[in-house]
Amino acid sequence: MTVFRTLKCVTLLFLSFGFLGCTFGPSPQSLQADPSATPTLETARTVFEDRTRITHDPWYGTQIEYHRSDGKSFLWFPRNTRPVPANWEVRNHGFGQGGHEICWQYPSTSKNAVTGAKGGNWECYPDSTYNANLTAVLQGDPFDLASNRVPFRIPSTRKYSAENLMTTAKRDPTNLRYIYRKQ
């Protein structure tokens, strides 16, 4: 009975995130270089490559991830002293809606701070679900995460905007180039 309740709760949580992604986050197509283009796998990839995404949610806090165009990403996670490297890719998802999903493969030595799951396997999420917690998309790597350094340790409870992060890192926030900013 307990396993059934757990699965039911996880299913409801997943469906809630999907609903929020479709309702409150920017549409994945609106973040493409050309929003009027047909959402192909290649145009969906442009939503991520050479961009830094800032997300925030109550379980994980503020996370910043830079996605290089070569399929490598660097996650600045709360309390970490270094970015967590990963492989990333965009795939067609199997939900029959013609959408895409973003997938990451974090090192097998890493561990999800909330779920405790070990890294090493590919984890994929529909791009609309991932966008539900999106607060900003920036051009390039303004925090220099690809250098394998973070500007400072982010407390787990604080919500940061891109400007807060730049100011706290003692960098000029006027250098930020926004593609998307949550109002």
N, C-alpha and C. Protein backbone atom coordinates (compact mmCIF):
# COMPACT_ATOMS: atom_id res chain seq x y z
N MET A 1 0.82 -1.20 0.00
CA MET A 1 0.00 0.00 0.00
C MET A 1 0.86 1.26 0.00
N THR A 2 1.94 1.28 0.77
CA THR A 2 2.82 2.44 0.84
C THR A 2 3.48 2.70 -0.51
N VAL A 3 3.93 1.64 -1.20
CA VAL A 3 4.56 1.80 -2.50
C VAL A 3 3.56 2.42 -3.48
N PHE A 4 2.31 1.96 -3.46
CA PHE A 4 1.29 2.52 -4.33
C PHE A 4 1.09 4.01 -4.06
N ARG A 5 1.02 4.39 -2.80
CA ARG A 5 0.85 5.81 -2.46
C ARG A 5 2.04 6.63 -2.93
N THR A 6 3.25 6.09 -2.76
CA THR A 6 4.45 6.80 -3.20
C THR A 6 4.41 7.01 -4.71
N LEU A 7 4.09 5.93 -5.46
CA LEU A 7 4.01 6.06 -6.92
C LEU A 7 2.94 7.06 -7.33
N LYS A 8 1.82 7.04 -6.63
CA LYS A 8 0.74 7.98 -6.93
C LYS A 8 1.21 9.42 -6.69
N CYS A 9 1.91 9.66 -5.59
CA CYS A 9 2.42 11.00 -5.28
C CYS A 9 3.44 11.45 -6.31
N VAL A 10 4.35 10.54 -6.71
CA VAL A 10 5.36 10.88 -7.71
C VAL A 10 4.68 11.19 -9.04
N THR A 11 3.69 10.41 -9.42
CA THR A 11 2.96 10.65 -10.67
C THR A 11 2.25 12.00 -10.63
N LEU A 12 1.58 12.30 -9.53
CA LEU A 12 0.90 13.59 -9.41
C LEU A 12 1.89 14.75 -9.46
N LEU A 13 3.04 14.57 -8.81
CA LEU A 13 4.07 15.61 -8.83
C LEU A 13 4.57 15.84 -10.24
N PHE A 14 4.84 14.74 -10.98
CA PHE A 14 5.31 14.86 -12.35
C PHE A 14 4.27 15.55 -13.22
N LEU A 15 3.01 15.15 -13.10
CA LEU A 15 1.95 15.78 -13.88
C LEU A 15 1.80 17.25 -13.53
N SER A 16 1.97 17.59 -12.25
CA SER A 16 1.88 18.99 -11.83
C SER A 16 2.98 19.81 -12.49
N PHE A 17 4.19 19.26 -12.51
CA PHE A 17 5.29 19.99 -13.14
C PHE A 17 5.03 20.16 -14.63
N GLY A 18 4.51 19.12 -15.28
CA GLY A 18 4.18 19.23 -16.70
C GLY A 18 3.14 20.29 -16.94
N PHE A 19 2.11 20.32 -16.10
CA PHE A 19 1.06 21.33 -16.21
C PHE A 19 1.63 22.73 -16.02
N LEU A 20 2.47 22.89 -14.99
CA LEU A 20 3.08 24.20 -14.75
C LEU A 20 3.94 24.63 -15.92
N GLY A 21 4.68 23.68 -16.49
CA GLY A 21 5.55 24.02 -17.61
C GLY A 21 4.77 24.54 -18.80
N CYS A 22 3.61 23.93 -19.04
CA CYS A 22 2.79 24.36 -20.18
C CYS A 22 2.09 25.67 -19.88
N THR A 23 1.88 25.97 -18.64
CA THR A 23 1.09 27.13 -18.27
C THR A 23 1.92 28.35 -17.91
N PHE A 24 3.00 28.17 -17.14
CA PHE A 24 3.68 29.32 -16.58
C PHE A 24 5.06 29.61 -17.15
N GLY A 25 5.73 28.65 -17.74
CA GLY A 25 7.05 28.89 -18.30
C GLY A 25 6.92 29.39 -19.74
N PRO A 26 8.01 29.93 -20.27
CA PRO A 26 7.97 30.33 -21.68
C PRO A 26 7.86 29.09 -22.56
N SER A 27 7.22 29.22 -23.68
CA SER A 27 7.14 28.08 -24.58
C SER A 27 8.53 27.80 -25.12
N PRO A 28 8.89 26.54 -25.30
CA PRO A 28 10.21 26.23 -25.84
C PRO A 28 10.46 26.91 -27.19
N GLN A 29 9.43 26.96 -28.02
CA GLN A 29 9.59 27.57 -29.35
C GLN A 29 9.89 29.06 -29.26
N SER A 30 9.37 29.75 -28.23
CA SER A 30 9.62 31.19 -28.10
C SER A 30 11.09 31.49 -27.79
N LEU A 31 11.84 30.50 -27.33
CA LEU A 31 13.25 30.69 -27.00
C LEU A 31 14.18 30.34 -28.16
N GLN A 32 13.62 29.85 -29.28
CA GLN A 32 14.43 29.53 -30.45
C GLN A 32 14.96 30.82 -31.07
N ALA A 33 16.06 30.68 -31.80
CA ALA A 33 16.64 31.83 -32.50
C ALA A 33 15.60 32.45 -33.44
N ASP A 34 14.80 31.61 -34.09
CA ASP A 34 13.71 32.07 -34.94
C ASP A 34 12.43 31.39 -34.47
N PRO A 35 11.64 32.08 -33.60
CA PRO A 35 10.44 31.45 -33.04
C PRO A 35 9.40 31.02 -34.07
N SER A 36 9.48 31.56 -35.29
CA SER A 36 8.51 31.16 -36.31
C SER A 36 8.94 29.88 -37.04
N ALA A 37 10.17 29.42 -36.80
CA ALA A 37 10.66 28.21 -37.46
C ALA A 37 9.96 26.97 -36.91
N THR A 38 9.82 25.97 -37.76
CA THR A 38 9.25 24.69 -37.34
C THR A 38 10.15 24.10 -36.25
N PRO A 39 9.54 23.64 -35.14
CA PRO A 39 10.35 23.12 -34.04
C PRO A 39 10.94 21.73 -34.34
N THR A 40 12.06 21.72 -35.04
CA THR A 40 12.77 20.48 -35.33
C THR A 40 13.75 20.20 -34.19
N LEU A 41 14.38 19.04 -34.25
CA LEU A 41 15.38 18.69 -33.25
C LEU A 41 16.52 19.72 -33.26
N GLU A 42 16.93 20.14 -34.44
CA GLU A 42 18.03 21.11 -34.53
C GLU A 42 17.63 22.49 -34.00
N THR A 43 16.42 22.96 -34.32
CA THR A 43 16.01 24.26 -33.79
C THR A 43 15.79 24.18 -32.28
N ALA A 44 15.33 23.03 -31.79
CA ALA A 44 15.17 22.86 -30.34
C ALA A 44 16.52 22.91 -29.63
N ARG A 45 17.56 22.41 -30.29
CA ARG A 45 18.91 22.43 -29.72
C ARG A 45 19.41 23.86 -29.55
N THR A 46 19.02 24.76 -30.45
CA THR A 46 19.48 26.15 -30.36
C THR A 46 18.95 26.86 -29.12
N VAL A 47 17.90 26.32 -28.52
CA VAL A 47 17.33 26.90 -27.30
C VAL A 47 18.33 26.76 -26.14
N PHE A 48 19.23 25.78 -26.24
CA PHE A 48 20.18 25.50 -25.16
C PHE A 48 21.62 25.87 -25.47
N GLU A 49 22.07 25.70 -26.70
CA GLU A 49 23.50 25.83 -26.96
C GLU A 49 24.01 27.25 -26.82
N ASP A 50 25.15 27.34 -26.16
CA ASP A 50 25.84 28.58 -25.81
C ASP A 50 24.93 29.54 -25.05
N ARG A 51 24.17 28.97 -24.15
CA ARG A 51 23.29 29.76 -23.30
C ARG A 51 23.40 29.30 -21.85
N THR A 52 23.15 30.24 -20.95
CA THR A 52 23.12 29.96 -19.52
C THR A 52 21.68 30.09 -19.07
N ARG A 53 21.19 29.07 -18.38
CA ARG A 53 19.82 29.06 -17.89
C ARG A 53 19.84 29.15 -16.37
N ILE A 54 18.97 29.98 -15.85
CA ILE A 54 18.83 30.12 -14.40
C ILE A 54 17.43 29.63 -14.04
N THR A 55 17.38 28.68 -13.11
CA THR A 55 16.10 28.15 -12.64
C THR A 55 16.04 28.28 -11.12
N HIS A 56 14.84 28.25 -10.61
CA HIS A 56 14.66 28.25 -9.16
C HIS A 56 13.43 27.45 -8.81
N ASP A 57 13.57 26.59 -7.80
CA ASP A 57 12.42 25.91 -7.23
C ASP A 57 12.68 25.66 -5.75
N PRO A 58 11.64 25.36 -4.98
CA PRO A 58 11.80 25.23 -3.52
C PRO A 58 12.68 24.06 -3.09
N TRP A 59 12.79 23.00 -3.90
CA TRP A 59 13.58 21.84 -3.50
C TRP A 59 15.06 22.02 -3.79
N TYR A 60 15.38 22.59 -4.96
CA TYR A 60 16.77 22.70 -5.39
C TYR A 60 17.36 24.09 -5.18
N GLY A 61 16.52 25.10 -5.02
CA GLY A 61 17.02 26.47 -4.91
C GLY A 61 17.35 27.03 -6.28
N THR A 62 18.25 28.01 -6.32
CA THR A 62 18.68 28.62 -7.58
C THR A 62 19.79 27.77 -8.18
N GLN A 63 19.61 27.40 -9.45
CA GLN A 63 20.62 26.65 -10.19
C GLN A 63 20.94 27.40 -11.47
N ILE A 64 22.20 27.39 -11.84
CA ILE A 64 22.66 28.05 -13.05
C ILE A 64 23.39 27.00 -13.87
N GLU A 65 23.03 26.88 -15.14
CA GLU A 65 23.70 25.87 -15.97
C GLU A 65 24.01 26.46 -17.34
N TYR A 66 25.29 26.36 -17.68
CA TYR A 66 25.75 26.78 -19.00
C TYR A 66 25.86 25.56 -19.89
N HIS A 67 25.27 25.64 -21.09
CA HIS A 67 25.29 24.56 -22.08
C HIS A 67 26.18 24.98 -23.25
N ARG A 68 27.35 24.36 -23.34
CA ARG A 68 28.23 24.64 -24.49
C ARG A 68 27.66 23.98 -25.73
N SER A 69 28.03 24.49 -26.90
CA SER A 69 27.50 23.93 -28.15
C SER A 69 28.07 22.56 -28.47
N ASP A 70 29.14 22.13 -27.78
CA ASP A 70 29.73 20.81 -28.04
C ASP A 70 29.08 19.69 -27.22
N GLY A 71 27.97 19.98 -26.52
CA GLY A 71 27.28 18.95 -25.77
C GLY A 71 27.75 18.80 -24.33
N LYS A 72 28.56 19.73 -23.84
CA LYS A 72 28.99 19.73 -22.44
C LYS A 72 28.24 20.84 -21.71
N SER A 73 27.91 20.57 -20.45
CA SER A 73 27.27 21.61 -19.64
C SER A 73 27.95 21.67 -18.28
N PHE A 74 27.70 22.76 -17.56
CA PHE A 74 28.33 23.02 -16.28
C PHE A 74 27.27 23.59 -15.35
N LEU A 75 26.93 22.83 -14.31
CA LEU A 75 25.87 23.20 -13.38
C LEU A 75 26.44 23.82 -12.12
N TRP A 76 26.04 25.05 -11.83
CA TRP A 76 26.40 25.75 -10.59
C TRP A 76 25.25 25.48 -9.64
N PHE A 77 25.48 24.58 -8.71
CA PHE A 77 24.45 24.11 -7.80
C PHE A 77 24.67 24.70 -6.41
N PRO A 78 23.60 25.01 -5.67
CA PRO A 78 23.76 25.56 -4.32
C PRO A 78 24.73 24.75 -3.45
N ARG A 79 25.56 25.47 -2.75
CA ARG A 79 26.56 24.96 -1.80
C ARG A 79 27.77 24.32 -2.46
N ASN A 80 27.76 24.11 -3.78
CA ASN A 80 28.92 23.49 -4.44
C ASN A 80 30.04 24.50 -4.61
N THR A 81 31.27 24.01 -4.55
CA THR A 81 32.44 24.86 -4.75
C THR A 81 32.96 24.79 -6.18
N ARG A 82 32.43 23.86 -6.97
CA ARG A 82 32.78 23.73 -8.38
C ARG A 82 31.51 23.38 -9.17
N PRO A 83 31.49 23.74 -10.44
CA PRO A 83 30.34 23.32 -11.26
C PRO A 83 30.35 21.80 -11.45
N VAL A 84 29.18 21.24 -11.62
CA VAL A 84 29.06 19.81 -11.91
C VAL A 84 29.03 19.69 -13.44
N PRO A 85 30.02 19.02 -14.03
CA PRO A 85 30.03 18.87 -15.49
C PRO A 85 29.02 17.81 -15.91
N ALA A 86 28.55 17.90 -17.13
CA ALA A 86 27.62 16.90 -17.66
C ALA A 86 27.69 16.89 -19.18
N ASN A 87 27.16 15.84 -19.75
CA ASN A 87 26.88 15.80 -21.18
C ASN A 87 25.41 16.19 -21.31
N TRP A 88 25.06 16.89 -22.39
CA TRP A 88 23.66 17.24 -22.61
C TRP A 88 23.30 17.01 -24.07
N GLU A 89 22.02 16.76 -24.30
CA GLU A 89 21.50 16.65 -25.66
C GLU A 89 20.00 16.89 -25.65
N VAL A 90 19.48 17.20 -26.81
CA VAL A 90 18.04 17.37 -26.99
C VAL A 90 17.55 16.19 -27.82
N ARG A 91 16.43 15.61 -27.40
CA ARG A 91 15.86 14.45 -28.09
C ARG A 91 14.38 14.72 -28.38
N ASN A 92 13.86 13.99 -29.35
CA ASN A 92 12.41 13.96 -29.54
C ASN A 92 11.86 13.15 -28.37
N HIS A 93 10.81 13.64 -27.73
CA HIS A 93 10.27 12.84 -26.63
C HIS A 93 9.16 11.93 -27.12
N GLY A 94 8.92 10.87 -26.39
CA GLY A 94 8.00 9.83 -26.81
C GLY A 94 6.57 10.03 -26.34
N PHE A 95 6.16 11.28 -26.11
CA PHE A 95 4.82 11.50 -25.60
C PHE A 95 3.81 11.75 -26.72
N GLY A 96 4.24 11.64 -28.00
CA GLY A 96 3.34 11.78 -29.12
C GLY A 96 2.85 13.19 -29.37
N GLN A 97 3.51 14.20 -28.77
CA GLN A 97 3.06 15.58 -28.94
C GLN A 97 3.96 16.36 -29.89
N GLY A 98 4.96 15.70 -30.47
CA GLY A 98 5.87 16.39 -31.38
C GLY A 98 6.84 17.30 -30.66
N GLY A 99 6.96 17.18 -29.35
CA GLY A 99 7.85 18.04 -28.58
C GLY A 99 9.23 17.44 -28.40
N HIS A 100 10.02 18.11 -27.60
CA HIS A 100 11.40 17.71 -27.36
C HIS A 100 11.66 17.62 -25.87
N GLU A 101 12.76 16.95 -25.54
CA GLU A 101 13.18 16.87 -24.16
C GLU A 101 14.66 17.18 -24.06
N ILE A 102 15.04 17.76 -22.94
CA ILE A 102 16.45 18.04 -22.65
C ILE A 102 16.94 16.91 -21.75
N CYS A 103 18.13 16.41 -22.05
CA CYS A 103 18.69 15.28 -21.31
C CYS A 103 20.10 15.63 -20.83
N TRP A 104 20.41 15.18 -19.62
CA TRP A 104 21.75 15.37 -19.05
C TRP A 104 22.26 14.04 -18.57
N GLN A 105 23.58 13.89 -18.65
CA GLN A 105 24.26 12.75 -18.06
C GLN A 105 25.35 13.31 -17.16
N TYR A 106 25.07 13.32 -15.85
CA TYR A 106 26.02 13.81 -14.87
C TYR A 106 26.98 12.68 -14.50
N PRO A 107 28.15 12.98 -13.95
CA PRO A 107 29.12 11.93 -13.62
C PRO A 107 28.56 10.88 -12.66
N SER A 108 29.05 9.66 -12.79
CA SER A 108 28.59 8.58 -11.91
C SER A 108 28.98 8.84 -10.45
N THR A 109 29.93 9.74 -10.24
CA THR A 109 30.35 10.09 -8.87
C THR A 109 29.47 11.17 -8.25
N SER A 110 28.54 11.72 -9.04
CA SER A 110 27.65 12.77 -8.51
C SER A 110 26.41 12.15 -7.88
N LYS A 111 25.71 12.98 -7.09
CA LYS A 111 24.49 12.52 -6.43
C LYS A 111 23.49 13.67 -6.39
N ASN A 112 22.24 13.38 -6.72
CA ASN A 112 21.18 14.38 -6.67
C ASN A 112 20.95 14.75 -5.20
N ALA A 113 21.09 16.04 -4.88
CA ALA A 113 21.00 16.50 -3.49
C ALA A 113 19.61 16.32 -2.88
N VAL A 114 18.58 16.24 -3.70
CA VAL A 114 17.22 16.10 -3.17
C VAL A 114 16.77 14.64 -3.14
N THR A 115 16.96 13.92 -4.27
CA THR A 115 16.47 12.55 -4.36
C THR A 115 17.49 11.52 -3.89
N GLY A 116 18.77 11.88 -3.89
CA GLY A 116 19.83 10.95 -3.52
C GLY A 116 20.24 10.03 -4.65
N ALA A 117 19.63 10.17 -5.83
CA ALA A 117 19.97 9.32 -6.98
C ALA A 117 21.39 9.60 -7.45
N LYS A 118 22.12 8.53 -7.78
CA LYS A 118 23.49 8.68 -8.28
C LYS A 118 23.45 9.05 -9.76
N GLY A 119 24.47 9.79 -10.19
CA GLY A 119 24.61 10.17 -11.58
C GLY A 119 25.09 9.00 -12.43
N GLY A 120 25.35 9.29 -13.69
CA GLY A 120 25.86 8.28 -14.61
C GLY A 120 24.87 7.91 -15.70
N ASN A 121 23.58 7.97 -15.39
CA ASN A 121 22.55 7.66 -16.37
C ASN A 121 22.00 8.95 -16.98
N TRP A 122 21.45 8.84 -18.17
CA TRP A 122 20.81 9.98 -18.79
C TRP A 122 19.49 10.25 -18.09
N GLU A 123 19.22 11.54 -17.78
CA GLU A 123 17.95 11.98 -17.21
C GLU A 123 17.35 12.97 -18.18
N CYS A 124 16.10 12.75 -18.57
CA CYS A 124 15.45 13.60 -19.57
C CYS A 124 14.15 14.19 -19.04
N TYR A 125 13.87 15.41 -19.46
CA TYR A 125 12.64 16.11 -19.07
C TYR A 125 12.09 16.83 -20.29
N PRO A 126 10.77 16.80 -20.50
CA PRO A 126 10.20 17.60 -21.58
C PRO A 126 10.63 19.06 -21.42
N ASP A 127 11.00 19.71 -22.52
CA ASP A 127 11.50 21.08 -22.40
C ASP A 127 10.47 22.01 -21.78
N SER A 128 9.18 21.77 -22.00
CA SER A 128 8.16 22.63 -21.39
C SER A 128 8.13 22.45 -19.87
N THR A 129 8.39 21.24 -19.38
CA THR A 129 8.45 20.99 -17.95
C THR A 129 9.65 21.71 -17.34
N TYR A 130 10.79 21.60 -18.00
CA TYR A 130 12.01 22.24 -17.52
C TYR A 130 11.83 23.77 -17.48
N ASN A 131 11.11 24.30 -18.45
CA ASN A 131 10.91 25.76 -18.51
C ASN A 131 10.00 26.29 -17.41
N ALA A 132 9.28 25.42 -16.70
CA ALA A 132 8.37 25.87 -15.65
C ALA A 132 9.10 26.64 -14.55
N ASN A 133 10.34 26.28 -14.26
CA ASN A 133 11.11 26.93 -13.20
C ASN A 133 12.14 27.92 -13.72
N LEU A 134 12.08 28.20 -15.00
CA LEU A 134 13.05 29.08 -15.64
C LEU A 134 12.83 30.53 -15.22
N THR A 135 13.90 31.19 -14.75
CA THR A 135 13.79 32.61 -14.41
C THR A 135 14.55 33.49 -15.39
N ALA A 136 15.57 32.92 -16.09
CA ALA A 136 16.30 33.70 -17.08
C ALA A 136 17.07 32.78 -18.02
N VAL A 137 17.25 33.25 -19.24
CA VAL A 137 18.14 32.62 -20.21
C VAL A 137 19.08 33.73 -20.68
N LEU A 138 20.38 33.45 -20.58
CA LEU A 138 21.40 34.44 -20.93
C LEU A 138 22.25 33.92 -22.09
N GLN A 139 22.70 34.82 -22.93
CA GLN A 139 23.60 34.46 -24.00
C GLN A 139 24.98 34.17 -23.42
N GLY A 140 25.60 33.10 -23.89
CA GLY A 140 26.98 32.79 -23.50
C GLY A 140 27.11 32.26 -22.08
N ASP A 141 28.31 32.45 -21.53
CA ASP A 141 28.69 31.93 -20.21
C ASP A 141 29.15 33.09 -19.33
N PRO A 142 28.23 33.98 -18.91
CA PRO A 142 28.64 35.18 -18.17
C PRO A 142 29.27 34.89 -16.80
N PHE A 143 29.07 33.71 -16.25
CA PHE A 143 29.65 33.37 -14.95
C PHE A 143 30.91 32.52 -15.09
N ASP A 144 31.32 32.28 -16.34
CA ASP A 144 32.55 31.55 -16.66
C ASP A 144 32.56 30.15 -16.03
N LEU A 145 31.42 29.46 -16.09
CA LEU A 145 31.31 28.14 -15.48
C LEU A 145 32.14 27.09 -16.22
N ALA A 146 32.36 27.28 -17.52
CA ALA A 146 33.16 26.32 -18.28
C ALA A 146 34.62 26.30 -17.82
N SER A 147 35.02 27.27 -17.01
CA SER A 147 36.38 27.29 -16.46
C SER A 147 36.53 26.31 -15.29
N ASN A 148 35.43 25.64 -14.94
CA ASN A 148 35.39 24.70 -13.81
C ASN A 148 35.51 25.41 -12.46
N ARG A 149 35.07 26.66 -12.41
CA ARG A 149 35.04 27.43 -11.15
C ARG A 149 33.67 28.08 -11.03
N VAL A 150 33.23 28.27 -9.78
CA VAL A 150 32.02 29.06 -9.54
C VAL A 150 32.45 30.36 -8.87
N PRO A 151 31.74 31.45 -9.14
CA PRO A 151 32.13 32.74 -8.55
C PRO A 151 32.02 32.77 -7.01
N PHE A 152 31.05 32.03 -6.45
CA PHE A 152 30.87 31.96 -5.00
C PHE A 152 29.93 30.79 -4.71
N ARG A 153 29.85 30.40 -3.45
CA ARG A 153 28.93 29.33 -3.05
C ARG A 153 27.54 29.92 -2.83
N ILE A 154 26.57 29.38 -3.52
CA ILE A 154 25.19 29.84 -3.41
C ILE A 154 24.55 29.18 -2.19
N PRO A 155 23.97 29.97 -1.28
CA PRO A 155 23.20 29.34 -0.19
C PRO A 155 21.99 28.61 -0.77
N SER A 156 21.59 27.53 -0.16
CA SER A 156 20.51 26.71 -0.73
C SER A 156 19.14 27.39 -0.66
N THR A 157 18.96 28.32 0.25
CA THR A 157 17.62 28.88 0.44
C THR A 157 17.36 30.18 -0.31
N ARG A 158 18.39 30.84 -0.75
CA ARG A 158 18.21 32.16 -1.36
C ARG A 158 17.86 32.07 -2.84
N LYS A 159 16.93 32.91 -3.26
CA LYS A 159 16.58 33.00 -4.68
C LYS A 159 17.39 34.14 -5.28
N TYR A 160 18.13 33.84 -6.33
CA TYR A 160 18.97 34.83 -6.99
C TYR A 160 18.46 35.14 -8.39
N SER A 161 18.50 36.40 -8.75
CA SER A 161 18.28 36.80 -10.14
C SER A 161 19.66 36.85 -10.80
N ALA A 162 19.69 36.99 -12.10
CA ALA A 162 20.96 37.10 -12.80
C ALA A 162 21.75 38.31 -12.30
N GLU A 163 21.05 39.42 -12.06
CA GLU A 163 21.73 40.62 -11.56
C GLU A 163 22.31 40.41 -10.17
N ASN A 164 21.54 39.73 -9.27
CA ASN A 164 22.04 39.40 -7.93
C ASN A 164 23.32 38.58 -8.02
N LEU A 165 23.29 37.58 -8.90
CA LEU A 165 24.45 36.70 -9.05
C LEU A 165 25.67 37.48 -9.53
N MET A 166 25.48 38.33 -10.53
CA MET A 166 26.61 39.13 -11.06
C MET A 166 27.14 40.08 -9.99
N THR A 167 26.26 40.76 -9.29
CA THR A 167 26.68 41.72 -8.26
C THR A 167 27.42 41.00 -7.13
N THR A 168 26.88 39.88 -6.67
CA THR A 168 27.52 39.12 -5.60
C THR A 168 28.88 38.59 -6.05
N ALA A 169 29.00 38.26 -7.33
CA ALA A 169 30.26 37.78 -7.89
C ALA A 169 31.22 38.92 -8.21
N LYS A 170 30.80 40.14 -7.89
CA LYS A 170 31.60 41.34 -8.16
C LYS A 170 31.90 41.51 -9.66
N ARG A 171 30.85 41.29 -10.45
CA ARG A 171 30.92 41.48 -11.90
C ARG A 171 29.86 42.48 -12.32
N ASP A 172 30.04 43.07 -13.46
CA ASP A 172 29.15 44.12 -13.94
C ASP A 172 27.87 43.52 -14.54
N PRO A 173 26.71 43.74 -13.89
CA PRO A 173 25.46 43.16 -14.41
C PRO A 173 25.01 43.76 -15.74
N THR A 174 25.57 44.90 -16.15
CA THR A 174 25.19 45.47 -17.44
C THR A 174 25.76 44.64 -18.60
N ASN A 175 26.65 43.70 -18.30
CA ASN A 175 27.20 42.83 -19.34
C ASN A 175 26.29 41.64 -19.66
N LEU A 176 25.21 41.47 -18.91
CA LEU A 176 24.29 40.36 -19.16
C LEU A 176 23.51 40.60 -20.46
N ARG A 177 23.41 39.57 -21.27
CA ARG A 177 22.63 39.64 -22.51
C ARG A 177 21.47 38.64 -22.38
N TYR A 178 20.29 39.17 -22.14
CA TYR A 178 19.11 38.34 -21.90
C TYR A 178 18.49 37.85 -23.19
N ILE A 179 18.08 36.59 -23.17
CA ILE A 179 17.24 36.03 -24.22
C ILE A 179 15.83 35.92 -23.67
N TYR A 180 15.74 35.64 -22.35
CA TYR A 180 14.46 35.57 -21.66
C TYR A 180 14.67 36.00 -20.22
N ARG A 181 13.71 36.74 -19.69
CA ARG A 181 13.71 37.11 -18.28
C ARG A 181 12.27 37.04 -17.78
N LYS A 182 12.07 36.26 -16.71
CA LYS A 182 10.73 36.14 -16.13
C LYS A 182 10.33 37.47 -15.52
N GLN A 183 9.16 37.91 -15.82
CA GLN A 183 8.68 39.20 -15.29
C GLN A 183 8.04 39.03 -13.95
